N, C-alpha and C. Protein backbone atom coordinates (compact mmCIF):
# COMPACT_ATOMS: atom_id res chain seq x y z
N MET A 1 0.83 -1.19 0.00
CA MET A 1 0.00 0.00 0.00
C MET A 1 0.88 1.25 0.00
N GLU A 2 0.38 2.28 -0.63
CA GLU A 2 1.07 3.56 -0.62
C GLU A 2 0.43 4.47 0.41
N GLN A 3 1.24 5.26 1.07
CA GLN A 3 0.76 6.17 2.11
C GLN A 3 0.73 7.59 1.58
N GLN A 4 -0.43 8.24 1.67
CA GLN A 4 -0.55 9.62 1.22
C GLN A 4 0.16 10.54 2.21
N LEU A 5 1.06 11.37 1.67
CA LEU A 5 1.78 12.33 2.50
C LEU A 5 1.15 13.71 2.41
N SER A 6 0.66 14.07 1.21
CA SER A 6 0.00 15.36 1.03
C SER A 6 -0.91 15.26 -0.19
N SER A 7 -1.83 16.20 -0.29
CA SER A 7 -2.76 16.22 -1.41
C SER A 7 -3.06 17.67 -1.76
N THR A 8 -2.99 18.00 -3.06
CA THR A 8 -3.28 19.35 -3.52
C THR A 8 -4.32 19.28 -4.63
N GLN A 9 -5.44 19.97 -4.42
CA GLN A 9 -6.46 20.00 -5.46
C GLN A 9 -6.03 21.03 -6.51
N ILE A 10 -5.94 20.57 -7.77
CA ILE A 10 -5.48 21.40 -8.88
C ILE A 10 -6.65 22.04 -9.61
N TYR A 11 -7.75 21.28 -9.72
CA TYR A 11 -8.91 21.74 -10.48
C TYR A 11 -10.17 21.11 -9.90
N SER A 12 -11.25 21.88 -9.90
CA SER A 12 -12.55 21.37 -9.51
C SER A 12 -13.59 21.94 -10.45
N GLY A 13 -14.28 21.06 -11.17
CA GLY A 13 -15.30 21.48 -12.12
C GLY A 13 -16.58 20.70 -11.91
N PRO A 14 -17.57 20.95 -12.74
CA PRO A 14 -18.85 20.28 -12.57
C PRO A 14 -18.80 18.78 -12.84
N ALA A 15 -17.89 18.31 -13.68
CA ALA A 15 -17.84 16.89 -14.03
C ALA A 15 -16.77 16.12 -13.27
N LEU A 16 -15.68 16.80 -12.92
CA LEU A 16 -14.59 16.09 -12.26
C LEU A 16 -13.70 17.06 -11.51
N SER A 17 -12.85 16.48 -10.67
CA SER A 17 -11.82 17.23 -9.96
C SER A 17 -10.49 16.53 -10.19
N LEU A 18 -9.42 17.30 -10.11
CA LEU A 18 -8.08 16.75 -10.28
C LEU A 18 -7.25 17.14 -9.08
N ARG A 19 -6.57 16.13 -8.51
CA ARG A 19 -5.67 16.42 -7.39
C ARG A 19 -4.34 15.73 -7.65
N VAL A 20 -3.30 16.27 -7.02
CA VAL A 20 -1.97 15.66 -7.08
C VAL A 20 -1.60 15.28 -5.66
N ASP A 21 -1.35 13.99 -5.46
CA ASP A 21 -0.99 13.48 -4.14
C ASP A 21 0.49 13.12 -4.12
N LYS A 22 1.16 13.46 -3.04
CA LYS A 22 2.52 12.98 -2.79
C LYS A 22 2.35 11.73 -1.93
N VAL A 23 2.96 10.62 -2.36
CA VAL A 23 2.80 9.36 -1.64
C VAL A 23 4.16 8.73 -1.32
N LYS A 24 4.13 7.92 -0.27
CA LYS A 24 5.30 7.14 0.11
C LYS A 24 5.02 5.70 -0.30
N LYS A 25 5.91 5.14 -1.12
CA LYS A 25 5.76 3.77 -1.59
C LYS A 25 6.23 2.79 -0.51
N PRO A 26 5.81 1.51 -0.61
CA PRO A 26 6.17 0.54 0.42
C PRO A 26 7.68 0.44 0.69
N GLY A 27 8.50 0.64 -0.33
CA GLY A 27 9.96 0.59 -0.15
C GLY A 27 10.56 1.84 0.45
N GLY A 28 9.74 2.88 0.66
CA GLY A 28 10.22 4.11 1.27
C GLY A 28 10.39 5.28 0.32
N ALA A 29 10.43 5.02 -0.98
CA ALA A 29 10.57 6.10 -1.96
C ALA A 29 9.29 6.93 -2.02
N THR A 30 9.43 8.19 -2.39
CA THR A 30 8.27 9.06 -2.55
C THR A 30 8.07 9.37 -4.03
N THR A 31 6.82 9.58 -4.39
CA THR A 31 6.47 9.93 -5.76
C THR A 31 5.14 10.70 -5.73
N THR A 32 4.68 11.11 -6.90
CA THR A 32 3.38 11.79 -6.97
C THR A 32 2.40 10.95 -7.76
N ARG A 33 1.13 11.13 -7.46
CA ARG A 33 0.04 10.46 -8.16
C ARG A 33 -0.98 11.52 -8.57
N ASP A 34 -1.27 11.60 -9.87
CA ASP A 34 -2.35 12.45 -10.36
C ASP A 34 -3.64 11.65 -10.24
N VAL A 35 -4.66 12.24 -9.63
CA VAL A 35 -5.92 11.52 -9.40
C VAL A 35 -7.08 12.33 -9.95
N VAL A 36 -7.83 11.73 -10.87
CA VAL A 36 -9.06 12.32 -11.39
C VAL A 36 -10.21 11.81 -10.53
N GLU A 37 -10.88 12.71 -9.83
CA GLU A 37 -12.02 12.33 -9.00
C GLU A 37 -13.29 12.52 -9.82
N HIS A 38 -14.07 11.46 -9.93
CA HIS A 38 -15.31 11.48 -10.71
C HIS A 38 -16.35 10.69 -9.94
N SER A 39 -17.59 11.11 -10.04
CA SER A 39 -18.65 10.38 -9.35
C SER A 39 -18.79 8.98 -9.93
N ASP A 40 -19.35 8.08 -9.14
CA ASP A 40 -19.65 6.74 -9.65
C ASP A 40 -20.74 6.85 -10.70
N CYS A 41 -20.82 5.85 -11.58
CA CYS A 41 -21.74 5.89 -12.71
C CYS A 41 -22.45 4.56 -12.88
N VAL A 42 -23.44 4.57 -13.75
CA VAL A 42 -24.10 3.34 -14.17
C VAL A 42 -23.88 3.16 -15.66
N ALA A 43 -23.84 1.90 -16.09
CA ALA A 43 -23.81 1.54 -17.50
C ALA A 43 -24.88 0.46 -17.66
N VAL A 44 -25.80 0.66 -18.60
CA VAL A 44 -26.98 -0.20 -18.68
C VAL A 44 -27.08 -0.85 -20.06
N VAL A 45 -27.35 -2.14 -20.05
CA VAL A 45 -27.60 -2.90 -21.28
C VAL A 45 -29.12 -3.05 -21.39
N PRO A 46 -29.78 -2.19 -22.19
CA PRO A 46 -31.24 -2.29 -22.33
C PRO A 46 -31.60 -3.27 -23.46
N ILE A 47 -32.41 -4.26 -23.13
CA ILE A 47 -32.81 -5.29 -24.08
C ILE A 47 -34.31 -5.15 -24.35
N ASP A 48 -34.67 -5.02 -25.62
CA ASP A 48 -36.10 -4.88 -25.95
C ASP A 48 -36.75 -6.25 -26.15
N ARG A 49 -38.04 -6.25 -26.42
CA ARG A 49 -38.79 -7.51 -26.54
C ARG A 49 -38.35 -8.35 -27.75
N ASP A 50 -37.65 -7.73 -28.72
CA ASP A 50 -37.15 -8.45 -29.88
C ASP A 50 -35.71 -8.93 -29.68
N ASN A 51 -35.24 -8.87 -28.43
CA ASN A 51 -33.89 -9.29 -28.07
C ASN A 51 -32.81 -8.46 -28.77
N GLN A 52 -33.10 -7.18 -28.93
CA GLN A 52 -32.12 -6.24 -29.46
C GLN A 52 -31.65 -5.35 -28.31
N VAL A 53 -30.42 -4.91 -28.40
CA VAL A 53 -29.90 -3.98 -27.42
C VAL A 53 -30.07 -2.57 -27.96
N LEU A 54 -30.51 -1.65 -27.11
CA LEU A 54 -30.69 -0.25 -27.51
C LEU A 54 -29.43 0.51 -27.13
N LEU A 55 -28.66 0.86 -28.12
CA LEU A 55 -27.44 1.64 -27.92
C LEU A 55 -27.71 3.09 -28.27
N VAL A 56 -26.81 3.95 -27.87
CA VAL A 56 -26.92 5.37 -28.23
C VAL A 56 -25.67 5.77 -29.00
N ARG A 57 -25.88 6.62 -29.99
CA ARG A 57 -24.77 7.22 -30.72
C ARG A 57 -24.76 8.69 -30.33
N GLN A 58 -23.62 9.12 -29.79
CA GLN A 58 -23.51 10.53 -29.40
C GLN A 58 -22.10 11.03 -29.63
N PHE A 59 -22.02 12.31 -29.94
CA PHE A 59 -20.73 12.95 -30.20
C PHE A 59 -19.99 13.12 -28.88
N ARG A 60 -18.72 12.73 -28.91
CA ARG A 60 -17.86 12.88 -27.74
C ARG A 60 -16.73 13.84 -28.10
N TYR A 61 -16.80 15.03 -27.56
CA TYR A 61 -15.85 16.09 -27.90
C TYR A 61 -14.39 15.69 -27.69
N PRO A 62 -14.01 15.06 -26.55
CA PRO A 62 -12.58 14.76 -26.34
C PRO A 62 -11.96 13.89 -27.43
N VAL A 63 -12.75 13.03 -28.07
CA VAL A 63 -12.19 12.17 -29.12
C VAL A 63 -12.66 12.60 -30.51
N ASP A 64 -13.43 13.68 -30.57
CA ASP A 64 -13.91 14.26 -31.82
C ASP A 64 -14.60 13.22 -32.72
N ALA A 65 -15.50 12.45 -32.10
CA ALA A 65 -16.19 11.40 -32.86
C ALA A 65 -17.52 11.08 -32.21
N ALA A 66 -18.44 10.60 -33.04
CA ALA A 66 -19.71 10.07 -32.53
C ALA A 66 -19.49 8.60 -32.22
N LEU A 67 -19.71 8.21 -30.97
CA LEU A 67 -19.46 6.84 -30.54
C LEU A 67 -20.77 6.11 -30.27
N LEU A 68 -20.74 4.80 -30.47
CA LEU A 68 -21.84 3.92 -30.15
C LEU A 68 -21.60 3.40 -28.74
N GLU A 69 -22.59 3.58 -27.86
CA GLU A 69 -22.40 3.26 -26.45
C GLU A 69 -23.67 2.69 -25.84
N VAL A 70 -23.51 2.03 -24.69
CA VAL A 70 -24.68 1.69 -23.88
C VAL A 70 -25.08 2.96 -23.15
N PRO A 71 -26.36 3.10 -22.80
CA PRO A 71 -26.75 4.25 -21.98
C PRO A 71 -25.98 4.22 -20.66
N ALA A 72 -25.53 5.38 -20.25
CA ALA A 72 -24.73 5.46 -19.03
C ALA A 72 -24.76 6.88 -18.50
N GLY A 73 -24.40 7.02 -17.25
CA GLY A 73 -24.32 8.37 -16.70
C GLY A 73 -23.97 8.36 -15.23
N GLY A 74 -23.68 9.54 -14.74
CA GLY A 74 -23.25 9.71 -13.36
C GLY A 74 -24.38 9.63 -12.35
N ILE A 75 -24.05 9.07 -11.21
CA ILE A 75 -24.99 8.99 -10.10
C ILE A 75 -24.93 10.33 -9.36
N GLU A 76 -26.07 10.98 -9.26
CA GLU A 76 -26.13 12.28 -8.58
C GLU A 76 -25.91 12.09 -7.08
N PRO A 77 -25.36 13.10 -6.38
CA PRO A 77 -25.18 12.98 -4.93
C PRO A 77 -26.51 12.63 -4.25
N GLY A 78 -26.50 11.58 -3.45
CA GLY A 78 -27.69 11.14 -2.73
C GLY A 78 -28.66 10.30 -3.54
N GLU A 79 -28.38 10.12 -4.84
CA GLU A 79 -29.28 9.36 -5.70
C GLU A 79 -29.04 7.86 -5.53
N ASP A 80 -30.12 7.10 -5.45
CA ASP A 80 -30.06 5.65 -5.41
C ASP A 80 -29.58 5.14 -6.78
N VAL A 81 -28.78 4.09 -6.79
CA VAL A 81 -28.23 3.57 -8.04
C VAL A 81 -29.34 3.14 -9.00
N LEU A 82 -30.37 2.46 -8.50
CA LEU A 82 -31.47 2.02 -9.38
C LEU A 82 -32.26 3.21 -9.91
N ASP A 83 -32.41 4.25 -9.12
CA ASP A 83 -33.07 5.46 -9.61
C ASP A 83 -32.25 6.08 -10.74
N CYS A 84 -30.92 6.02 -10.61
CA CYS A 84 -30.05 6.54 -11.66
C CYS A 84 -30.21 5.72 -12.94
N VAL A 85 -30.28 4.41 -12.82
CA VAL A 85 -30.49 3.55 -13.99
C VAL A 85 -31.76 3.98 -14.71
N ARG A 86 -32.85 4.12 -13.98
CA ARG A 86 -34.13 4.50 -14.57
C ARG A 86 -34.07 5.88 -15.22
N ARG A 87 -33.45 6.83 -14.52
CA ARG A 87 -33.34 8.19 -15.06
C ARG A 87 -32.52 8.22 -16.34
N GLU A 88 -31.38 7.55 -16.34
CA GLU A 88 -30.53 7.55 -17.53
C GLU A 88 -31.24 6.92 -18.73
N LEU A 89 -31.97 5.84 -18.51
CA LEU A 89 -32.70 5.21 -19.61
C LEU A 89 -33.79 6.13 -20.15
N GLN A 90 -34.49 6.81 -19.27
CA GLN A 90 -35.53 7.75 -19.72
C GLN A 90 -34.92 8.91 -20.49
N GLU A 91 -33.78 9.42 -20.01
CA GLU A 91 -33.15 10.56 -20.67
C GLU A 91 -32.51 10.18 -22.00
N GLU A 92 -31.83 9.04 -22.05
CA GLU A 92 -31.03 8.72 -23.23
C GLU A 92 -31.76 7.92 -24.31
N ILE A 93 -32.64 6.99 -23.90
CA ILE A 93 -33.33 6.18 -24.91
C ILE A 93 -34.84 6.34 -24.89
N GLY A 94 -35.37 7.06 -23.89
CA GLY A 94 -36.81 7.31 -23.84
C GLY A 94 -37.64 6.14 -23.36
N TYR A 95 -37.06 5.29 -22.53
CA TYR A 95 -37.78 4.14 -21.99
C TYR A 95 -37.56 4.02 -20.49
N LEU A 96 -38.56 3.47 -19.82
CA LEU A 96 -38.49 3.15 -18.40
C LEU A 96 -38.48 1.63 -18.29
N PRO A 97 -37.52 1.06 -17.58
CA PRO A 97 -37.44 -0.40 -17.49
C PRO A 97 -38.45 -0.96 -16.49
N GLY A 98 -39.06 -2.09 -16.87
CA GLY A 98 -39.94 -2.79 -15.94
C GLY A 98 -39.14 -3.71 -15.04
N LYS A 99 -37.99 -4.18 -15.53
CA LYS A 99 -37.14 -5.10 -14.77
C LYS A 99 -35.69 -4.66 -14.92
N VAL A 100 -35.00 -4.56 -13.79
CA VAL A 100 -33.59 -4.17 -13.77
C VAL A 100 -32.84 -5.19 -12.93
N GLU A 101 -31.69 -5.65 -13.46
CA GLU A 101 -30.90 -6.64 -12.75
C GLU A 101 -29.44 -6.24 -12.78
N LYS A 102 -28.79 -6.30 -11.62
CA LYS A 102 -27.37 -5.94 -11.54
C LYS A 102 -26.52 -7.06 -12.12
N LEU A 103 -25.55 -6.68 -12.96
CA LEU A 103 -24.63 -7.64 -13.57
C LEU A 103 -23.25 -7.63 -12.93
N GLY A 104 -22.88 -6.52 -12.32
CA GLY A 104 -21.55 -6.40 -11.73
C GLY A 104 -21.09 -4.96 -11.76
N GLY A 105 -19.78 -4.78 -11.86
CA GLY A 105 -19.23 -3.44 -11.91
C GLY A 105 -17.73 -3.47 -12.05
N PHE A 106 -17.15 -2.30 -12.29
CA PHE A 106 -15.70 -2.21 -12.48
C PHE A 106 -15.25 -0.75 -12.37
N TYR A 107 -13.95 -0.59 -12.09
CA TYR A 107 -13.33 0.73 -12.14
C TYR A 107 -12.94 1.00 -13.58
N SER A 108 -13.28 2.17 -14.08
CA SER A 108 -13.01 2.47 -15.49
C SER A 108 -11.56 2.86 -15.76
N ILE A 109 -10.95 3.61 -14.85
CA ILE A 109 -9.58 4.09 -15.05
C ILE A 109 -8.80 4.05 -13.73
N PRO A 110 -8.59 2.87 -13.15
CA PRO A 110 -8.01 2.78 -11.81
C PRO A 110 -6.57 3.27 -11.69
N GLY A 111 -5.88 3.43 -12.81
CA GLY A 111 -4.51 3.93 -12.75
C GLY A 111 -4.44 5.40 -12.37
N TYR A 112 -5.53 6.14 -12.60
CA TYR A 112 -5.52 7.57 -12.27
C TYR A 112 -6.88 8.14 -11.93
N GLY A 113 -7.91 7.31 -11.82
CA GLY A 113 -9.23 7.85 -11.54
C GLY A 113 -10.03 7.03 -10.56
N THR A 114 -11.05 7.66 -9.98
CA THR A 114 -11.87 7.04 -8.93
C THR A 114 -13.19 6.48 -9.43
N GLU A 115 -13.56 6.75 -10.68
CA GLU A 115 -14.88 6.36 -11.19
C GLU A 115 -15.11 4.84 -11.14
N TYR A 116 -16.26 4.44 -10.54
CA TYR A 116 -16.69 3.04 -10.52
C TYR A 116 -17.99 2.97 -11.28
N LEU A 117 -18.12 1.99 -12.17
CA LEU A 117 -19.33 1.82 -12.97
C LEU A 117 -20.09 0.59 -12.50
N TYR A 118 -21.36 0.79 -12.17
CA TYR A 118 -22.27 -0.29 -11.84
C TYR A 118 -22.95 -0.72 -13.13
N VAL A 119 -22.91 -2.01 -13.44
CA VAL A 119 -23.46 -2.51 -14.70
C VAL A 119 -24.78 -3.23 -14.45
N TYR A 120 -25.79 -2.86 -15.24
CA TYR A 120 -27.12 -3.45 -15.13
C TYR A 120 -27.64 -3.86 -16.49
N VAL A 121 -28.59 -4.79 -16.49
CA VAL A 121 -29.38 -5.10 -17.67
C VAL A 121 -30.79 -4.63 -17.36
N ALA A 122 -31.45 -4.06 -18.36
CA ALA A 122 -32.82 -3.56 -18.21
C ALA A 122 -33.70 -4.23 -19.26
N ARG A 123 -34.87 -4.69 -18.82
CA ARG A 123 -35.82 -5.35 -19.72
C ARG A 123 -37.21 -4.78 -19.49
N ASP A 124 -38.17 -5.30 -20.25
CA ASP A 124 -39.57 -4.85 -20.15
C ASP A 124 -39.64 -3.32 -20.29
N LEU A 125 -39.09 -2.83 -21.39
CA LEU A 125 -38.97 -1.39 -21.61
C LEU A 125 -40.30 -0.80 -22.04
N LYS A 126 -40.68 0.29 -21.38
CA LYS A 126 -41.92 1.01 -21.69
C LYS A 126 -41.56 2.45 -22.07
N PRO A 127 -42.16 2.98 -23.15
CA PRO A 127 -41.87 4.37 -23.53
C PRO A 127 -42.12 5.33 -22.37
N SER A 128 -41.15 6.19 -22.10
CA SER A 128 -41.25 7.17 -21.02
C SER A 128 -40.10 8.15 -21.15
N ARG A 129 -40.31 9.23 -21.87
CA ARG A 129 -39.24 10.20 -22.14
C ARG A 129 -39.09 11.16 -20.96
N LEU A 130 -37.84 11.31 -20.53
CA LEU A 130 -37.48 12.30 -19.53
C LEU A 130 -36.45 13.20 -20.19
N VAL A 131 -36.79 14.45 -20.42
CA VAL A 131 -35.93 15.36 -21.16
C VAL A 131 -34.81 15.88 -20.27
N ALA A 132 -33.59 15.81 -20.78
CA ALA A 132 -32.44 16.36 -20.09
C ALA A 132 -31.73 17.32 -21.04
N GLU A 133 -30.96 18.25 -20.48
CA GLU A 133 -30.37 19.32 -21.30
C GLU A 133 -29.30 18.84 -22.27
N ASP A 134 -28.64 17.71 -22.01
CA ASP A 134 -27.53 17.31 -22.86
C ASP A 134 -27.81 16.05 -23.68
N THR A 135 -29.09 15.72 -23.87
CA THR A 135 -29.41 14.48 -24.58
C THR A 135 -30.18 14.71 -25.88
N ASP A 136 -30.31 15.94 -26.32
CA ASP A 136 -31.12 16.23 -27.51
C ASP A 136 -30.50 15.73 -28.81
N GLU A 137 -29.19 15.46 -28.83
CA GLU A 137 -28.55 15.00 -30.05
C GLU A 137 -28.16 13.52 -29.99
N ILE A 138 -28.74 12.78 -29.07
CA ILE A 138 -28.46 11.35 -28.96
C ILE A 138 -29.36 10.59 -29.93
N GLU A 139 -28.76 9.69 -30.69
CA GLU A 139 -29.51 8.82 -31.61
C GLU A 139 -29.59 7.42 -31.00
N VAL A 140 -30.80 6.86 -30.91
CA VAL A 140 -30.97 5.50 -30.41
C VAL A 140 -30.78 4.53 -31.57
N VAL A 141 -29.94 3.52 -31.35
CA VAL A 141 -29.62 2.54 -32.38
C VAL A 141 -29.93 1.14 -31.82
N ARG A 142 -30.87 0.45 -32.47
CA ARG A 142 -31.21 -0.93 -32.05
C ARG A 142 -30.31 -1.90 -32.79
N VAL A 143 -29.67 -2.78 -32.02
CA VAL A 143 -28.72 -3.74 -32.60
C VAL A 143 -29.07 -5.14 -32.10
N PRO A 144 -29.23 -6.10 -33.01
CA PRO A 144 -29.42 -7.49 -32.58
C PRO A 144 -28.20 -7.94 -31.77
N LEU A 145 -28.44 -8.66 -30.68
CA LEU A 145 -27.33 -9.12 -29.83
C LEU A 145 -26.29 -9.89 -30.62
N ALA A 146 -26.71 -10.64 -31.61
CA ALA A 146 -25.77 -11.44 -32.40
C ALA A 146 -24.76 -10.58 -33.14
N GLN A 147 -25.05 -9.30 -33.37
CA GLN A 147 -24.14 -8.41 -34.08
C GLN A 147 -23.12 -7.70 -33.16
N ILE A 148 -23.33 -7.79 -31.86
CA ILE A 148 -22.46 -7.07 -30.92
C ILE A 148 -20.99 -7.50 -31.05
N PRO A 149 -20.66 -8.80 -31.07
CA PRO A 149 -19.23 -9.15 -31.20
C PRO A 149 -18.57 -8.55 -32.44
N GLU A 150 -19.25 -8.56 -33.57
CA GLU A 150 -18.68 -7.99 -34.80
C GLU A 150 -18.48 -6.48 -34.65
N LEU A 151 -19.41 -5.79 -34.01
CA LEU A 151 -19.24 -4.35 -33.79
C LEU A 151 -18.01 -4.08 -32.93
N ILE A 152 -17.78 -4.92 -31.94
CA ILE A 152 -16.62 -4.76 -31.06
C ILE A 152 -15.33 -5.07 -31.83
N PHE A 153 -15.28 -6.24 -32.47
CA PHE A 153 -14.05 -6.67 -33.13
C PHE A 153 -13.68 -5.81 -34.33
N SER A 154 -14.68 -5.19 -34.96
CA SER A 154 -14.40 -4.33 -36.11
C SER A 154 -13.97 -2.92 -35.67
N GLY A 155 -14.16 -2.61 -34.39
CA GLY A 155 -13.81 -1.28 -33.90
C GLY A 155 -14.93 -0.26 -34.05
N ARG A 156 -16.08 -0.67 -34.59
CA ARG A 156 -17.20 0.27 -34.72
C ARG A 156 -17.85 0.57 -33.37
N LEU A 157 -17.67 -0.32 -32.41
CA LEU A 157 -18.05 -0.07 -31.02
C LEU A 157 -16.75 -0.10 -30.24
N CYS A 158 -16.28 1.10 -29.82
CA CYS A 158 -14.94 1.21 -29.25
C CYS A 158 -14.91 1.91 -27.89
N ASP A 159 -16.05 2.03 -27.26
CA ASP A 159 -16.14 2.63 -25.93
C ASP A 159 -15.94 1.54 -24.88
N ALA A 160 -14.95 1.69 -24.01
CA ALA A 160 -14.56 0.64 -23.07
C ALA A 160 -15.70 0.22 -22.14
N LYS A 161 -16.45 1.18 -21.59
CA LYS A 161 -17.50 0.80 -20.66
C LYS A 161 -18.59 0.01 -21.37
N SER A 162 -18.86 0.36 -22.62
CA SER A 162 -19.87 -0.35 -23.39
C SER A 162 -19.41 -1.77 -23.73
N ILE A 163 -18.16 -1.89 -24.14
CA ILE A 163 -17.62 -3.21 -24.45
C ILE A 163 -17.69 -4.09 -23.20
N ALA A 164 -17.24 -3.56 -22.07
CA ALA A 164 -17.24 -4.34 -20.84
C ALA A 164 -18.67 -4.73 -20.44
N ALA A 165 -19.59 -3.78 -20.46
CA ALA A 165 -20.97 -4.06 -20.05
C ALA A 165 -21.60 -5.11 -20.97
N LEU A 166 -21.42 -4.96 -22.27
CA LEU A 166 -22.02 -5.90 -23.22
C LEU A 166 -21.40 -7.29 -23.09
N LEU A 167 -20.10 -7.38 -22.92
CA LEU A 167 -19.47 -8.69 -22.78
C LEU A 167 -19.84 -9.35 -21.45
N ILE A 168 -19.98 -8.57 -20.39
CA ILE A 168 -20.45 -9.12 -19.11
C ILE A 168 -21.84 -9.73 -19.31
N TYR A 169 -22.72 -8.96 -19.95
CA TYR A 169 -24.08 -9.46 -20.18
C TYR A 169 -24.07 -10.72 -21.06
N MET A 170 -23.34 -10.67 -22.15
CA MET A 170 -23.34 -11.80 -23.07
C MET A 170 -22.70 -13.05 -22.45
N ALA A 171 -21.68 -12.88 -21.64
CA ALA A 171 -21.07 -14.02 -20.96
C ALA A 171 -22.05 -14.62 -19.95
N ARG A 172 -22.75 -13.76 -19.23
CA ARG A 172 -23.73 -14.24 -18.25
C ARG A 172 -24.85 -15.02 -18.90
N GLU A 173 -25.26 -14.56 -20.08
CA GLU A 173 -26.34 -15.22 -20.81
C GLU A 173 -25.83 -16.35 -21.71
N LYS A 174 -24.50 -16.60 -21.62
CA LYS A 174 -23.86 -17.65 -22.43
C LYS A 174 -24.09 -17.44 -23.93
N LEU A 175 -23.94 -16.18 -24.36
CA LEU A 175 -24.13 -15.82 -25.76
C LEU A 175 -22.81 -15.68 -26.51
N LEU A 176 -21.71 -15.93 -25.81
CA LEU A 176 -20.40 -15.85 -26.46
C LEU A 176 -19.92 -17.25 -26.78
N GLY A 177 -19.37 -17.43 -27.97
CA GLY A 177 -18.91 -18.76 -28.38
C GLY A 177 -17.48 -19.03 -28.05
């Protein structure tokens, strides 16, 4: 384990904070660690009655590209994780899930960040739009589950949280060969 000796907050914004920690390593040497602090998030695999997954295509400024992703988003302070799942699905794909099941979770960037993603599958989807300020340019894309591996291997689906969530779901359902 590393022991924190000092911590300096460099930046604090609405989406994340950045701090630089001075740490003592187990052997006694000291070094610094840059840490991106981000709220925990949910990543949801929504499955419709035709056994298709509802993905979203949205422009991501940092990579200057429109990416295909599972619906996902940050858990608001004090918000229940399941309430966040429902809210994100209503905002991003316009559906409210009748059934939600936890699949697992993972740290997205543990080498330098605190974000933990809770992964869920959502079924029994009912139309229910909840308008949010940053979701007006999201395109919903229905994809048969059988096409997901090809989207991943071809690089057309290249978002890490989406790949992880979809593979977790497909492995659990024994859909991977």
